[in-house]
């Protein structure tokens, strides 16, 4: 089973490469920290269909995709929530390049590829 995390980044914000990288890292890291806090152990050993596998054992795949704007980001977020997938929205504090409280990207998963792909396959790699 292929387990992955997908990060979706807003293209319309025109963030620098460094800012974009930081937002991606924040989204991935904070999602895992929140998951560990709220679902103790749930992402250390993922269980689907009776198979126990760790995300680490499957390569910790992270795919970074881009979306056009905040409306598109919200649509992906809503669809992921409705599908029952774990999702986290990274909101910037506004200290450098974007306005305070701007959603910059979101993390979906880790979750099975066949659950994430239907929601994100229309997006291009960042």
PDB file of N, CA and C in Angstrom:
ATOM      1  N   UNK A   1       0.850  -1.175   0.000  1.00  0.00           N
ATOM      2  CA  UNK A   1       0.000   0.000   0.000  1.00  0.00           C
ATOM      3  C   UNK A   1       0.894   1.236   0.000  1.00  0.00           C
ATOM      4  N   UNK A   2       0.593   2.171  -0.859  1.00  0.00           N
ATOM      5  CA  UNK A   2       1.367   3.394  -0.978  1.00  0.00           C
ATOM      6  C   UNK A   2       0.750   4.470  -0.085  1.00  0.00           C
ATOM      7  N   UNK A   3       1.517   4.904   0.908  1.00  0.00           N
ATOM      8  CA  UNK A   3       1.071   5.944   1.835  1.00  0.00           C
ATOM      9  C   UNK A   3       1.847   7.212   1.522  1.00  0.00           C
ATOM     10  N   UNK A   4       1.147   8.337   1.489  1.00  0.00           N
ATOM     11  CA  UNK A   4       1.819   9.591   1.176  1.00  0.00           C
ATOM     12  C   UNK A   4       1.176  10.757   1.903  1.00  0.00           C
ATOM     13  N   UNK A   5       1.906  11.835   1.889  1.00  0.00           N
ATOM     14  CA  UNK A   5       1.366  13.109   2.339  1.00  0.00           C
ATOM     15  C   UNK A   5       1.451  14.040   1.141  1.00  0.00           C
ATOM     16  N   UNK A   6       0.425  14.844   0.944  1.00  0.00           N
ATOM     17  CA  UNK A   6       0.414  15.818  -0.138  1.00  0.00           C
ATOM     18  C   UNK A   6       0.317  17.203   0.482  1.00  0.00           C
ATOM     19  N   UNK A   7       1.182  18.094   0.023  1.00  0.00           N
ATOM     20  CA  UNK A   7       1.142  19.496   0.428  1.00  0.00           C
ATOM     21  C   UNK A   7       0.667  20.286  -0.787  1.00  0.00           C
ATOM     22  N   UNK A   8      -0.373  21.100  -0.611  1.00  0.00           N
ATOM     23  CA  UNK A   8      -0.900  21.935  -1.695  1.00  0.00           C
ATOM     24  C   UNK A   8      -0.587  23.386  -1.351  1.00  0.00           C
ATOM     25  N   UNK A   9       0.116  24.075  -2.261  1.00  0.00           N
ATOM     26  CA  UNK A   9       0.595  25.437  -2.034  1.00  0.00           C
ATOM     27  C   UNK A   9      -0.116  26.401  -2.976  1.00  0.00           C
ATOM     28  N   UNK A  10      -0.502  27.546  -2.450  1.00  0.00           N
ATOM     29  CA  UNK A  10      -1.124  28.604  -3.268  1.00  0.00           C
ATOM     30  C   UNK A  10      -0.074  29.269  -4.157  1.00  0.00           C
ATOM     31  N   UNK A  11      -0.350  29.312  -5.453  1.00  0.00           N
ATOM     32  CA  UNK A  11       0.553  29.967  -6.405  1.00  0.00           C
ATOM     33  C   UNK A  11       0.344  31.485  -6.449  1.00  0.00           C
ATOM     34  N   UNK A  12      -0.859  31.953  -6.157  1.00  0.00           N
ATOM     35  CA  UNK A  12      -1.189  33.370  -6.309  1.00  0.00           C
ATOM     36  C   UNK A  12      -0.462  34.280  -5.327  1.00  0.00           C
ATOM     37  N   UNK A  13       0.116  33.722  -4.284  1.00  0.00           N
ATOM     38  CA  UNK A  13       0.797  34.549  -3.286  1.00  0.00           C
ATOM     39  C   UNK A  13       2.194  34.968  -3.734  1.00  0.00           C
ATOM     40  N   UNK A  14       2.710  34.305  -4.768  1.00  0.00           N
ATOM     41  CA  UNK A  14       4.039  34.632  -5.315  1.00  0.00           C
ATOM     42  C   UNK A  14       5.107  34.697  -4.222  1.00  0.00           C
ATOM     43  N   UNK A  15       5.070  33.714  -3.327  1.00  0.00           N
ATOM     44  CA  UNK A  15       6.061  33.662  -2.254  1.00  0.00           C
ATOM     45  C   UNK A  15       7.430  33.320  -2.837  1.00  0.00           C
ATOM     46  N   UNK A  16       8.480  33.816  -2.210  1.00  0.00           N
ATOM     47  CA  UNK A  16       9.836  33.467  -2.631  1.00  0.00           C
ATOM     48  C   UNK A  16      10.056  31.967  -2.411  1.00  0.00           C
ATOM     49  N   UNK A  17      11.111  31.445  -2.984  1.00  0.00           N
ATOM     50  CA  UNK A  17      11.419  30.022  -2.815  1.00  0.00           C
ATOM     51  C   UNK A  17      11.626  29.692  -1.342  1.00  0.00           C
ATOM     52  N   UNK A  18      12.339  30.566  -0.629  1.00  0.00           N
ATOM     53  CA  UNK A  18      12.584  30.324   0.791  1.00  0.00           C
ATOM     54  C   UNK A  18      11.302  30.338   1.611  1.00  0.00           C
ATOM     55  N   UNK A  19      10.439  31.310   1.338  1.00  0.00           N
ATOM     56  CA  UNK A  19       9.169  31.407   2.056  1.00  0.00           C
ATOM     57  C   UNK A  19       8.296  30.196   1.753  1.00  0.00           C
ATOM     58  N   UNK A  20       8.245  29.798   0.484  1.00  0.00           N
ATOM     59  CA  UNK A  20       7.457  28.633   0.088  1.00  0.00           C
ATOM     60  C   UNK A  20       7.963  27.384   0.791  1.00  0.00           C
ATOM     61  N   UNK A  21       9.273  27.203   0.800  1.00  0.00           N
ATOM     62  CA  UNK A  21       9.857  26.041   1.477  1.00  0.00           C
ATOM     63  C   UNK A  21       9.531  26.022   2.962  1.00  0.00           C
ATOM     64  N   UNK A  22       9.599  27.191   3.589  1.00  0.00           N
ATOM     65  CA  UNK A  22       9.280  27.268   5.018  1.00  0.00           C
ATOM     66  C   UNK A  22       7.817  26.921   5.273  1.00  0.00           C
ATOM     67  N   UNK A  23       6.913  27.412   4.428  1.00  0.00           N
ATOM     68  CA  UNK A  23       5.488  27.123   4.613  1.00  0.00           C
ATOM     69  C   UNK A  23       5.199  25.632   4.429  1.00  0.00           C
ATOM     70  N   UNK A  24       5.846  25.017   3.448  1.00  0.00           N
ATOM     71  CA  UNK A  24       5.697  23.580   3.229  1.00  0.00           C
ATOM     72  C   UNK A  24       6.185  22.812   4.449  1.00  0.00           C
ATOM     73  N   UNK A  25       7.347  23.199   4.967  1.00  0.00           N
ATOM     74  CA  UNK A  25       7.898  22.525   6.146  1.00  0.00           C
ATOM     75  C   UNK A  25       6.989  22.700   7.353  1.00  0.00           C
ATOM     76  N   UNK A  26       6.477  23.916   7.548  1.00  0.00           N
ATOM     77  CA  UNK A  26       5.559  24.160   8.667  1.00  0.00           C
ATOM     78  C   UNK A  26       4.324  23.273   8.563  1.00  0.00           C
ATOM     79  N   UNK A  27       3.745  23.187   7.361  1.00  0.00           N
ATOM     80  CA  UNK A  27       2.526  22.390   7.176  1.00  0.00           C
ATOM     81  C   UNK A  27       2.785  20.918   7.470  1.00  0.00           C
ATOM     82  N   UNK A  28       3.863  20.383   6.926  1.00  0.00           N
ATOM     83  CA  UNK A  28       4.172  18.965   7.135  1.00  0.00           C
ATOM     84  C   UNK A  28       4.469  18.681   8.606  1.00  0.00           C
ATOM     85  N   UNK A  29       5.293  19.519   9.210  1.00  0.00           N
ATOM     86  CA  UNK A  29       5.688  19.315  10.599  1.00  0.00           C
ATOM     87  C   UNK A  29       4.517  19.503  11.556  1.00  0.00           C
ATOM     88  N   UNK A  30       3.762  20.571  11.386  1.00  0.00           N
ATOM     89  CA  UNK A  30       2.685  20.850  12.320  1.00  0.00           C
ATOM     90  C   UNK A  30       1.594  19.799  12.228  1.00  0.00           C
ATOM     91  N   UNK A  31       1.336  19.316  11.014  1.00  0.00           N
ATOM     92  CA  UNK A  31       0.337  18.268  10.872  1.00  0.00           C
ATOM     93  C   UNK A  31       0.736  17.044  11.690  1.00  0.00           C
ATOM     94  N   UNK A  32       1.985  16.619  11.562  1.00  0.00           N
ATOM     95  CA  UNK A  32       2.449  15.434  12.296  1.00  0.00           C
ATOM     96  C   UNK A  32       2.407  15.693  13.796  1.00  0.00           C
ATOM     97  N   UNK A  33       2.842  16.874  14.244  1.00  0.00           N
ATOM     98  CA  UNK A  33       2.801  17.187  15.669  1.00  0.00           C
ATOM     99  C   UNK A  33       1.367  17.173  16.199  1.00  0.00           C
ATOM    100  N   UNK A  34       0.436  17.771  15.443  1.00  0.00           N
ATOM    101  CA  UNK A  34      -0.969  17.759  15.859  1.00  0.00           C
ATOM    102  C   UNK A  34      -1.506  16.340  15.904  1.00  0.00           C
ATOM    103  N   UNK A  35      -1.162  15.549  14.900  1.00  0.00           N
ATOM    104  CA  UNK A  35      -1.632  14.163  14.847  1.00  0.00           C
ATOM    105  C   UNK A  35      -1.104  13.380  16.045  1.00  0.00           C
ATOM    106  N   UNK A  36       0.165  13.583  16.387  1.00  0.00           N
ATOM    107  CA  UNK A  36       0.742  12.872  17.530  1.00  0.00           C
ATOM    108  C   UNK A  36       0.058  13.303  18.823  1.00  0.00           C
ATOM    109  N   UNK A  37      -0.299  14.575  18.916  1.00  0.00           N
ATOM    110  CA  UNK A  37      -0.946  15.086  20.124  1.00  0.00           C
ATOM    111  C   UNK A  37      -2.377  14.559  20.260  1.00  0.00           C
ATOM    112  N   UNK A  38      -3.136  14.639  19.166  1.00  0.00           N
ATOM    113  CA  UNK A  38      -4.549  14.282  19.235  1.00  0.00           C
ATOM    114  C   UNK A  38      -4.834  12.806  19.004  1.00  0.00           C
ATOM    115  N   UNK A  39      -3.985  12.155  18.235  1.00  0.00           N
ATOM    116  CA  UNK A  39      -4.208  10.744  17.891  1.00  0.00           C
ATOM    117  C   UNK A  39      -2.953   9.961  18.240  1.00  0.00           C
ATOM    118  N   UNK A  40      -2.626   9.902  19.483  1.00  0.00           N
ATOM    119  CA  UNK A  40      -1.376   9.316  19.946  1.00  0.00           C
ATOM    120  C   UNK A  40      -1.122   7.984  19.248  1.00  0.00           C
ATOM    121  N   UNK A  41      -0.015   7.950  18.518  1.00  0.00           N
ATOM    122  CA  UNK A  41       0.400   6.723  17.842  1.00  0.00           C
ATOM    123  C   UNK A  41      -0.294   6.446  16.529  1.00  0.00           C
ATOM    124  N   UNK A  42      -1.311   7.211  16.167  1.00  0.00           N
ATOM    125  CA  UNK A  42      -2.084   6.884  14.959  1.00  0.00           C
ATOM    126  C   UNK A  42      -1.252   6.963  13.696  1.00  0.00           C
ATOM    127  N   UNK A  43      -0.261   7.833  13.669  1.00  0.00           N
ATOM    128  CA  UNK A  43       0.531   7.961  12.458  1.00  0.00           C
ATOM    129  C   UNK A  43       1.907   7.331  12.595  1.00  0.00           C
ATOM    130  N   UNK A  44       2.231   6.832  13.774  1.00  0.00           N
ATOM    131  CA  UNK A  44       3.474   6.084  13.923  1.00  0.00           C
ATOM    132  C   UNK A  44       3.324   4.716  13.272  1.00  0.00           C
ATOM    133  N   UNK A  45       2.166   4.120  13.454  1.00  0.00           N
ATOM    134  CA  UNK A  45       1.859   2.830  12.819  1.00  0.00           C
ATOM    135  C   UNK A  45       0.466   2.950  12.228  1.00  0.00           C
ATOM    136  N   UNK A  46       0.399   3.083  10.910  1.00  0.00           N
ATOM    137  CA  UNK A  46      -0.876   3.274  10.241  1.00  0.00           C
ATOM    138  C   UNK A  46      -1.492   1.911   9.947  1.00  0.00           C
ATOM    139  N   UNK A  47      -2.783   1.774  10.227  1.00  0.00           N
ATOM    140  CA  UNK A  47      -3.454   0.509   9.996  1.00  0.00           C
ATOM    141  C   UNK A  47      -4.641   0.718   9.067  1.00  0.00           C
ATOM    142  N   UNK A  48      -4.622   0.061   7.922  1.00  0.00           N
ATOM    143  CA  UNK A  48      -5.733   0.047   6.982  1.00  0.00           C
ATOM    144  C   UNK A  48      -5.902  -1.379   6.506  1.00  0.00           C
ATOM    145  N   UNK A  49      -7.137  -1.792   6.379  1.00  0.00           N
ATOM    146  CA  UNK A  49      -7.455  -3.112   5.833  1.00  0.00           C
ATOM    147  C   UNK A  49      -6.690  -4.226   6.532  1.00  0.00           C
ATOM    148  N   UNK A  50      -6.457  -4.077   7.822  1.00  0.00           N
ATOM    149  CA  UNK A  50      -5.784  -5.123   8.578  1.00  0.00           C
ATOM    150  C   UNK A  50      -4.271  -5.134   8.423  1.00  0.00           C
ATOM    151  N   UNK A  51      -3.713  -4.299   7.539  1.00  0.00           N
ATOM    152  CA  UNK A  51      -2.255  -4.251   7.350  1.00  0.00           C
ATOM    153  C   UNK A  51      -1.665  -3.162   8.231  1.00  0.00           C
ATOM    154  N   UNK A  52      -0.660  -3.505   9.020  1.00  0.00           N
ATOM    155  CA  UNK A  52       0.026  -2.509   9.839  1.00  0.00           C
ATOM    156  C   UNK A  52       1.310  -2.131   9.130  1.00  0.00           C
ATOM    157  N   UNK A  53       1.411  -0.865   8.818  1.00  0.00           N
ATOM    158  CA  UNK A  53       2.622  -0.361   8.167  1.00  0.00           C
ATOM    159  C   UNK A  53       2.928   1.015   8.741  1.00  0.00           C
ATOM    160  N   UNK A  54       4.163   1.310   8.848  1.00  0.00           N
ATOM    161  CA  UNK A  54       4.500   2.670   9.268  1.00  0.00           C
ATOM    162  C   UNK A  54       4.737   3.507   8.024  1.00  0.00           C
ATOM    163  N   UNK A  55       4.420   4.772   8.106  1.00  0.00           N
ATOM    164  CA  UNK A  55       4.672   5.693   7.000  1.00  0.00           C
ATOM    165  C   UNK A  55       6.159   5.692   6.690  1.00  0.00           C
ATOM    166  N   UNK A  56       6.964   5.594   7.726  1.00  0.00           N
ATOM    167  CA  UNK A  56       8.411   5.577   7.538  1.00  0.00           C
ATOM    168  C   UNK A  56       8.835   4.369   6.713  1.00  0.00           C
ATOM    169  N   UNK A  57       8.240   3.222   6.963  1.00  0.00           N
ATOM    170  CA  UNK A  57       8.592   2.013   6.224  1.00  0.00           C
ATOM    171  C   UNK A  57       8.195   2.091   4.758  1.00  0.00           C
ATOM    172  N   UNK A  58       7.266   2.964   4.429  1.00  0.00           N
ATOM    173  CA  UNK A  58       6.848   3.090   3.035  1.00  0.00           C
ATOM    174  C   UNK A  58       7.518   4.271   2.344  1.00  0.00           C
ATOM    175  N   UNK A  59       8.548   4.840   2.965  1.00  0.00           N
ATOM    176  CA  UNK A  59       9.360   5.859   2.312  1.00  0.00           C
ATOM    177  C   UNK A  59       9.024   7.301   2.630  1.00  0.00           C
ATOM    178  N   UNK A  60       8.030   7.540   3.487  1.00  0.00           N
ATOM    179  CA  UNK A  60       7.656   8.900   3.873  1.00  0.00           C
ATOM    180  C   UNK A  60       7.458   9.813   2.666  1.00  0.00           C
ATOM    181  N   UNK A  61       6.744   9.333   1.674  1.00  0.00           N
ATOM    182  CA  UNK A  61       6.517  10.095   0.453  1.00  0.00           C
ATOM    183  C   UNK A  61       5.737  11.371   0.735  1.00  0.00           C
ATOM    184  N   UNK A  62       6.285  12.491   0.237  1.00  0.00           N
ATOM    185  CA  UNK A  62       5.602  13.780   0.309  1.00  0.00           C
ATOM    186  C   UNK A  62       5.587  14.360  -1.099  1.00  0.00           C
ATOM    187  N   UNK A  63       4.405  14.697  -1.582  1.00  0.00           N
ATOM    188  CA  UNK A  63       4.223  15.285  -2.905  1.00  0.00           C
ATOM    189  C   UNK A  63       3.800  16.735  -2.711  1.00  0.00           C
ATOM    190  N   UNK A  64       4.439  17.671  -3.420  1.00  0.00           N
ATOM    191  CA  UNK A  64       4.094  19.092  -3.303  1.00  0.00           C
ATOM    192  C   UNK A  64       3.443  19.549  -4.603  1.00  0.00           C
ATOM    193  N   UNK A  65       2.213  20.005  -4.485  1.00  0.00           N
ATOM    194  CA  UNK A  65       1.416  20.450  -5.624  1.00  0.00           C
ATOM    195  C   UNK A  65       1.041  21.913  -5.453  1.00  0.00           C
ATOM    196  N   UNK A  66       0.670  22.570  -6.539  1.00  0.00           N
ATOM    197  CA  UNK A  66       0.243  23.955  -6.473  1.00  0.00           C
ATOM    198  C   UNK A  66      -1.211  24.099  -6.863  1.00  0.00           C
ATOM    199  N   UNK A  67      -1.857  25.112  -6.282  1.00  0.00           N
ATOM    200  CA  UNK A  67      -3.223  25.466  -6.684  1.00  0.00           C
ATOM    201  C   UNK A  67      -3.239  26.958  -7.005  1.00  0.00           C
ATOM    202  N   UNK A  68      -4.272  27.389  -7.703  1.00  0.00           N
ATOM    203  CA  UNK A  68      -4.301  28.758  -8.207  1.00  0.00           C
ATOM    204  C   UNK A  68      -4.423  29.834  -7.133  1.00  0.00           C
ATOM    205  N   UNK A  69      -5.285  29.596  -6.127  1.00  0.00           N
ATOM    206  CA  UNK A  69      -5.571  30.675  -5.178  1.00  0.00           C
ATOM    207  C   UNK A  69      -6.229  30.118  -3.918  1.00  0.00           C
ATOM    208  N   UNK A  70      -6.664  31.019  -3.054  1.00  0.00           N
ATOM    209  CA  UNK A  70      -7.291  30.619  -1.800  1.00  0.00           C
ATOM    210  C   UNK A  70      -8.598  29.882  -1.988  1.00  0.00           C
ATOM    211  N   UNK A  71      -9.347  30.226  -3.016  1.00  0.00           N
ATOM    212  CA  UNK A  71     -10.605  29.541  -3.300  1.00  0.00           C
ATOM    213  C   UNK A  71     -10.324  28.077  -3.658  1.00  0.00           C
ATOM    214  N   UNK A  72      -9.331  27.861  -4.504  1.00  0.00           N
ATOM    215  CA  UNK A  72      -8.959  26.493  -4.900  1.00  0.00           C
ATOM    216  C   UNK A  72      -8.420  25.717  -3.702  1.00  0.00           C
ATOM    217  N   UNK A  73      -7.636  26.373  -2.849  1.00  0.00           N
ATOM    218  CA  UNK A  73      -7.105  25.715  -1.653  1.00  0.00           C
ATOM    219  C   UNK A  73      -8.252  25.275  -0.751  1.00  0.00           C
ATOM    220  N   UNK A  74      -9.223  26.159  -0.561  1.00  0.00           N
ATOM    221  CA  UNK A  74     -10.368  25.832   0.283  1.00  0.00           C
ATOM    222  C   UNK A  74     -11.177  24.679  -0.305  1.00  0.00           C
ATOM    223  N   UNK A  75     -11.309  24.634  -1.612  1.00  0.00           N
ATOM    224  CA  UNK A  75     -12.051  23.544  -2.258  1.00  0.00           C
ATOM    225  C   UNK A  75     -11.375  22.202  -2.015  1.00  0.00           C
ATOM    226  N   UNK A  76     -10.052  22.160  -2.126  1.00  0.00           N
ATOM    227  CA  UNK A  76      -9.313  20.919  -1.877  1.00  0.00           C
ATOM    228  C   UNK A  76      -9.440  20.534  -0.403  1.00  0.00           C
ATOM    229  N   UNK A  77      -9.319  21.512   0.477  1.00  0.00           N
ATOM    230  CA  UNK A  77      -9.474  21.280   1.913  1.00  0.00           C
ATOM    231  C   UNK A  77     -10.837  20.664   2.217  1.00  0.00           C
ATOM    232  N   UNK A  78     -11.889  21.257   1.678  1.00  0.00           N
ATOM    233  CA  UNK A  78     -13.250  20.778   1.923  1.00  0.00           C
ATOM    234  C   UNK A  78     -13.436  19.353   1.410  1.00  0.00           C
ATOM    235  N   UNK A  79     -12.938  19.089   0.209  1.00  0.00           N
ATOM    236  CA  UNK A  79     -13.080  17.751  -0.366  1.00  0.00           C
ATOM    237  C   UNK A  79     -12.318  16.715   0.465  1.00  0.00           C
ATOM    238  N   UNK A  80     -11.126  17.069   0.939  1.00  0.00           N
ATOM    239  CA  UNK A  80     -10.349  16.145   1.776  1.00  0.00           C
ATOM    240  C   UNK A  80     -11.078  15.859   3.087  1.00  0.00           C
ATOM    241  N   UNK A  81     -11.633  16.898   3.707  1.00  0.00           N
ATOM    242  CA  UNK A  81     -12.401  16.707   4.946  1.00  0.00           C
ATOM    243  C   UNK A  81     -13.603  15.798   4.712  1.00  0.00           C
ATOM    244  N   UNK A  82     -14.335  16.058   3.631  1.00  0.00           N
ATOM    245  CA  UNK A  82     -15.518  15.252   3.324  1.00  0.00           C
ATOM    246  C   UNK A  82     -15.162  13.793   3.060  1.00  0.00           C
ATOM    247  N   UNK A  83     -13.945  13.555   2.563  1.00  0.00           N
ATOM    248  CA  UNK A  83     -13.474  12.191   2.307  1.00  0.00           C
ATOM    249  C   UNK A  83     -12.962  11.526   3.585  1.00  0.00           C
ATOM    250  N   UNK A  84     -12.937  12.286   4.684  1.00  0.00           N
ATOM    251  CA  UNK A  84     -12.477  11.733   5.955  1.00  0.00           C
ATOM    252  C   UNK A  84     -10.965  11.657   6.091  1.00  0.00           C
ATOM    253  N   UNK A  85     -10.255  12.432   5.275  1.00  0.00           N
ATOM    254  CA  UNK A  85      -8.795  12.415   5.327  1.00  0.00           C
ATOM    255  C   UNK A  85      -8.283  13.402   6.372  1.00  0.00           C
ATOM    256  N   UNK A  86      -7.153  13.094   6.976  1.00  0.00           N
ATOM    257  CA  UNK A  86      -6.535  14.060   7.886  1.00  0.00           C
ATOM    258  C   UNK A  86      -5.989  15.237   7.084  1.00  0.00           C
ATOM    259  N   UNK A  87      -6.272  16.446   7.527  1.00  0.00           N
ATOM    260  CA  UNK A  87      -5.858  17.641   6.790  1.00  0.00           C
ATOM    261  C   UNK A  87      -5.487  18.754   7.763  1.00  0.00           C
ATOM    262  N   UNK A  88      -4.501  19.567   7.375  1.00  0.00           N
ATOM    263  CA  UNK A  88      -4.047  20.687   8.195  1.00  0.00           C
ATOM    264  C   UNK A  88      -3.807  21.878   7.278  1.00  0.00           C
ATOM    265  N   UNK A  89      -4.325  23.052   7.627  1.00  0.00           N
ATOM    266  CA  UNK A  89      -4.099  24.272   6.859  1.00  0.00           C
ATOM    267  C   UNK A  89      -3.032  25.103   7.554  1.00  0.00           C
ATOM    268  N   UNK A  90      -1.988  25.469   6.806  1.00  0.00           N
ATOM    269  CA  UNK A  90      -0.940  26.348   7.325  1.00  0.00           C
ATOM    270  C   UNK A  90      -1.366  27.797   7.109  1.00  0.00           C
ATOM    271  N   UNK A  91      -1.475  28.546   8.202  1.00  0.00           N
ATOM    272  CA  UNK A  91      -1.852  29.962   8.143  1.00  0.00           C
ATOM    273  C   UNK A  91      -0.644  30.774   8.594  1.00  0.00           C
ATOM    274  N   UNK A  92      -0.212  31.703   7.746  1.00  0.00           N
ATOM    275  CA  UNK A  92       0.989  32.489   8.022  1.00  0.00           C
ATOM    276  C   UNK A  92       0.699  33.619   9.008  1.00  0.00           C
ATOM    277  N   UNK A  93       1.693  33.919   9.824  1.00  0.00           N
ATOM    278  CA  UNK A  93       1.556  34.993  10.808  1.00  0.00           C
ATOM    279  C   UNK A  93       1.745  36.377  10.202  1.00  0.00           C
ATOM    280  N   UNK A  94       2.241  36.445   8.986  1.00  0.00           N
ATOM    281  CA  UNK A  94       2.355  37.730   8.302  1.00  0.00           C
ATOM    282  C   UNK A  94       3.548  38.573   8.680  1.00  0.00           C
ATOM    283  N   UNK A  95       4.632  37.944   9.077  1.00  0.00           N
ATOM    284  CA  UNK A  95       5.812  38.715   9.492  1.00  0.00           C
ATOM    285  C   UNK A  95       6.701  39.142   8.325  1.00  0.00           C
ATOM    286  N   UNK A  96       6.550  38.490   7.155  1.00  0.00           N
ATOM    287  CA  UNK A  96       7.477  38.796   6.059  1.00  0.00           C
ATOM    288  C   UNK A  96       6.760  39.116   4.749  1.00  0.00           C
ATOM    289  N   UNK A  97       6.294  38.109   4.021  1.00  0.00           N
ATOM    290  CA  UNK A  97       5.860  38.316   2.642  1.00  0.00           C
ATOM    291  C   UNK A  97       4.353  38.350   2.409  1.00  0.00           C
ATOM    292  N   UNK A  98       3.579  37.832   3.319  1.00  0.00           N
ATOM    293  CA  UNK A  98       2.129  37.797   3.109  1.00  0.00           C
ATOM    294  C   UNK A  98       1.421  38.451   4.295  1.00  0.00           C
ATOM    295  N   UNK A  99       0.162  38.788   4.085  1.00  0.00           N
ATOM    296  CA  UNK A  99      -0.631  39.414   5.138  1.00  0.00           C
ATOM    297  C   UNK A  99      -0.880  38.434   6.290  1.00  0.00           C
ATOM    298  N   UNK A 100      -1.021  38.959   7.510  1.00  0.00           N
ATOM    299  CA  UNK A 100      -1.322  38.075   8.643  1.00  0.00           C
ATOM    300  C   UNK A 100      -2.586  37.241   8.390  1.00  0.00           C
ATOM    301  N   UNK A 101      -2.562  36.040   8.913  1.00  0.00           N
ATOM    302  CA  UNK A 101      -3.695  35.104   8.838  1.00  0.00           C
ATOM    303  C   UNK A 101      -4.026  34.651   7.419  1.00  0.00           C
ATOM    304  N   UNK A 102      -3.009  34.599   6.554  1.00  0.00           N
ATOM    305  CA  UNK A 102      -3.197  34.129   5.186  1.00  0.00           C
ATOM    306  C   UNK A 102      -2.960  32.626   5.119  1.00  0.00           C
ATOM    307  N   UNK A 103      -3.945  31.848   4.669  1.00  0.00           N
ATOM    308  CA  UNK A 103      -3.700  30.420   4.433  1.00  0.00           C
ATOM    309  C   UNK A 103      -2.760  30.281   3.235  1.00  0.00           C
ATOM    310  N   UNK A 104      -1.621  29.645   3.454  1.00  0.00           N
ATOM    311  CA  UNK A 104      -0.618  29.537   2.392  1.00  0.00           C
ATOM    312  C   UNK A 104      -0.591  28.157   1.736  1.00  0.00           C
ATOM    313  N   UNK A 105      -0.857  27.124   2.522  1.00  0.00           N
ATOM    314  CA  UNK A 105      -0.821  25.768   1.986  1.00  0.00           C
ATOM    315  C   UNK A 105      -1.562  24.838   2.935  1.00  0.00           C
ATOM    316  N   UNK A 106      -1.743  23.612   2.487  1.00  0.00           N
ATOM    317  CA  UNK A 106      -2.373  22.622   3.359  1.00  0.00           C
ATOM    318  C   UNK A 106      -1.692  21.282   3.180  1.00  0.00           C
ATOM    319  N   UNK A 107      -1.746  20.499   4.227  1.00  0.00           N
ATOM    320  CA  UNK A 107      -1.213  19.136   4.216  1.00  0.00           C
ATOM    321  C   UNK A 107      -2.378  18.168   4.273  1.00  0.00           C
ATOM    322  N   UNK A 108      -2.339  17.159   3.411  1.00  0.00           N
ATOM    323  CA  UNK A 108      -3.328  16.086   3.429  1.00  0.00           C
ATOM    324  C   UNK A 108      -2.570  14.794   3.682  1.00  0.00           C
ATOM    325  N   UNK A 109      -3.024  14.037   4.669  1.00  0.00           N
ATOM    326  CA  UNK A 109      -2.357  12.777   4.980  1.00  0.00           C
ATOM    327  C   UNK A 109      -1.220  12.984   5.950  1.00  0.00           C
ATOM    328  N   UNK A 110      -0.519  11.915   6.248  1.00  0.00           N
ATOM    329  CA  UNK A 110      -0.359  10.702   5.473  1.00  0.00           C
ATOM    330  C   UNK A 110      -1.642   9.875   5.411  1.00  0.00           C
ATOM    331  N   UNK A 111      -1.855   9.360   4.203  1.00  0.00           N
ATOM    332  CA  UNK A 111      -3.018   8.518   3.928  1.00  0.00           C
ATOM    333  C   UNK A 111      -2.711   7.695   2.679  1.00  0.00           C
ATOM    334  N   UNK A 112      -3.484   6.660   2.431  1.00  0.00           N
ATOM    335  CA  UNK A 112      -3.259   5.860   1.231  1.00  0.00           C
ATOM    336  C   UNK A 112      -3.408   6.690  -0.045  1.00  0.00           C
ATOM    337  N   UNK A 113      -2.530   6.435  -0.981  1.00  0.00           N
ATOM    338  CA  UNK A 113      -2.523   7.150  -2.260  1.00  0.00           C
ATOM    339  C   UNK A 113      -3.886   7.101  -2.942  1.00  0.00           C
ATOM    340  N   UNK A 114      -4.532   5.955  -2.914  1.00  0.00           N
ATOM    341  CA  UNK A 114      -5.805   5.826  -3.625  1.00  0.00           C
ATOM    342  C   UNK A 114      -6.930   6.644  -2.981  1.00  0.00           C
ATOM    343  N   UNK A 115      -6.712   7.160  -1.780  1.00  0.00           N
ATOM    344  CA  UNK A 115      -7.694   8.048  -1.151  1.00  0.00           C
ATOM    345  C   UNK A 115      -7.384   9.524  -1.422  1.00  0.00           C
ATOM    346  N   UNK A 116      -6.090   9.846  -1.548  1.00  0.00           N
ATOM    347  CA  UNK A 116      -5.681  11.237  -1.784  1.00  0.00           C
ATOM    348  C   UNK A 116      -5.747  11.612  -3.262  1.00  0.00           C
ATOM    349  N   UNK A 117      -5.312  10.718  -4.142  1.00  0.00           N
ATOM    350  CA  UNK A 117      -5.211  11.046  -5.571  1.00  0.00           C
ATOM    351  C   UNK A 117      -6.510  11.547  -6.204  1.00  0.00           C
ATOM    352  N   UNK A 118      -7.673  10.978  -5.896  1.00  0.00           N
ATOM    353  CA  UNK A 118      -8.887  11.503  -6.523  1.00  0.00           C
ATOM    354  C   UNK A 118      -9.155  12.980  -6.193  1.00  0.00           C
ATOM    355  N   UNK A 119      -8.643  13.442  -5.087  1.00  0.00           N
ATOM    356  CA  UNK A 119      -8.862  14.822  -4.654  1.00  0.00           C
ATOM    357  C   UNK A 119      -7.826  15.770  -5.248  1.00  0.00           C
ATOM    358  N   UNK A 120      -6.622  15.271  -5.507  1.00  0.00           N
ATOM    359  CA  UNK A 120      -5.519  16.151  -5.911  1.00  0.00           C
ATOM    360  C   UNK A 120      -5.005  15.920  -7.330  1.00  0.00           C
ATOM    361  N   UNK A 121      -5.508  14.916  -8.037  1.00  0.00           N
ATOM    362  CA  UNK A 121      -4.912  14.579  -9.340  1.00  0.00           C
ATOM    363  C   UNK A 121      -5.046  15.684 -10.377  1.00  0.00           C
ATOM    364  N   UNK A 122      -5.947  16.634 -10.184  1.00  0.00           N
ATOM    365  CA  UNK A 122      -6.105  17.725 -11.136  1.00  0.00           C
ATOM    366  C   UNK A 122      -5.047  18.823 -10.946  1.00  0.00           C
ATOM    367  N   UNK A 123      -4.286  18.757  -9.857  1.00  0.00           N
ATOM    368  CA  UNK A 123      -3.282  19.766  -9.559  1.00  0.00           C
ATOM    369  C   UNK A 123      -1.930  19.391 -10.161  1.00  0.00           C
ATOM    370  N   UNK A 124      -1.136  20.396 -10.497  1.00  0.00           N
ATOM    371  CA  UNK A 124       0.206  20.164 -11.050  1.00  0.00           C
ATOM    372  C   UNK A 124       1.257  20.260  -9.950  1.00  0.00           C
ATOM    373  N   UNK A 125       2.382  19.611 -10.190  1.00  0.00           N
ATOM    374  CA  UNK A 125       3.511  19.732  -9.266  1.00  0.00           C
ATOM    375  C   UNK A 125       3.900  21.192  -9.134  1.00  0.00           C
ATOM    376  N   UNK A 126       4.317  21.582  -7.943  1.00  0.00           N
ATOM    377  CA  UNK A 126       4.722  22.948  -7.718  1.00  0.00           C
ATOM    378  C   UNK A 126       6.066  23.144  -8.403  1.00  0.00           C
TER     379      UNK A 126
END
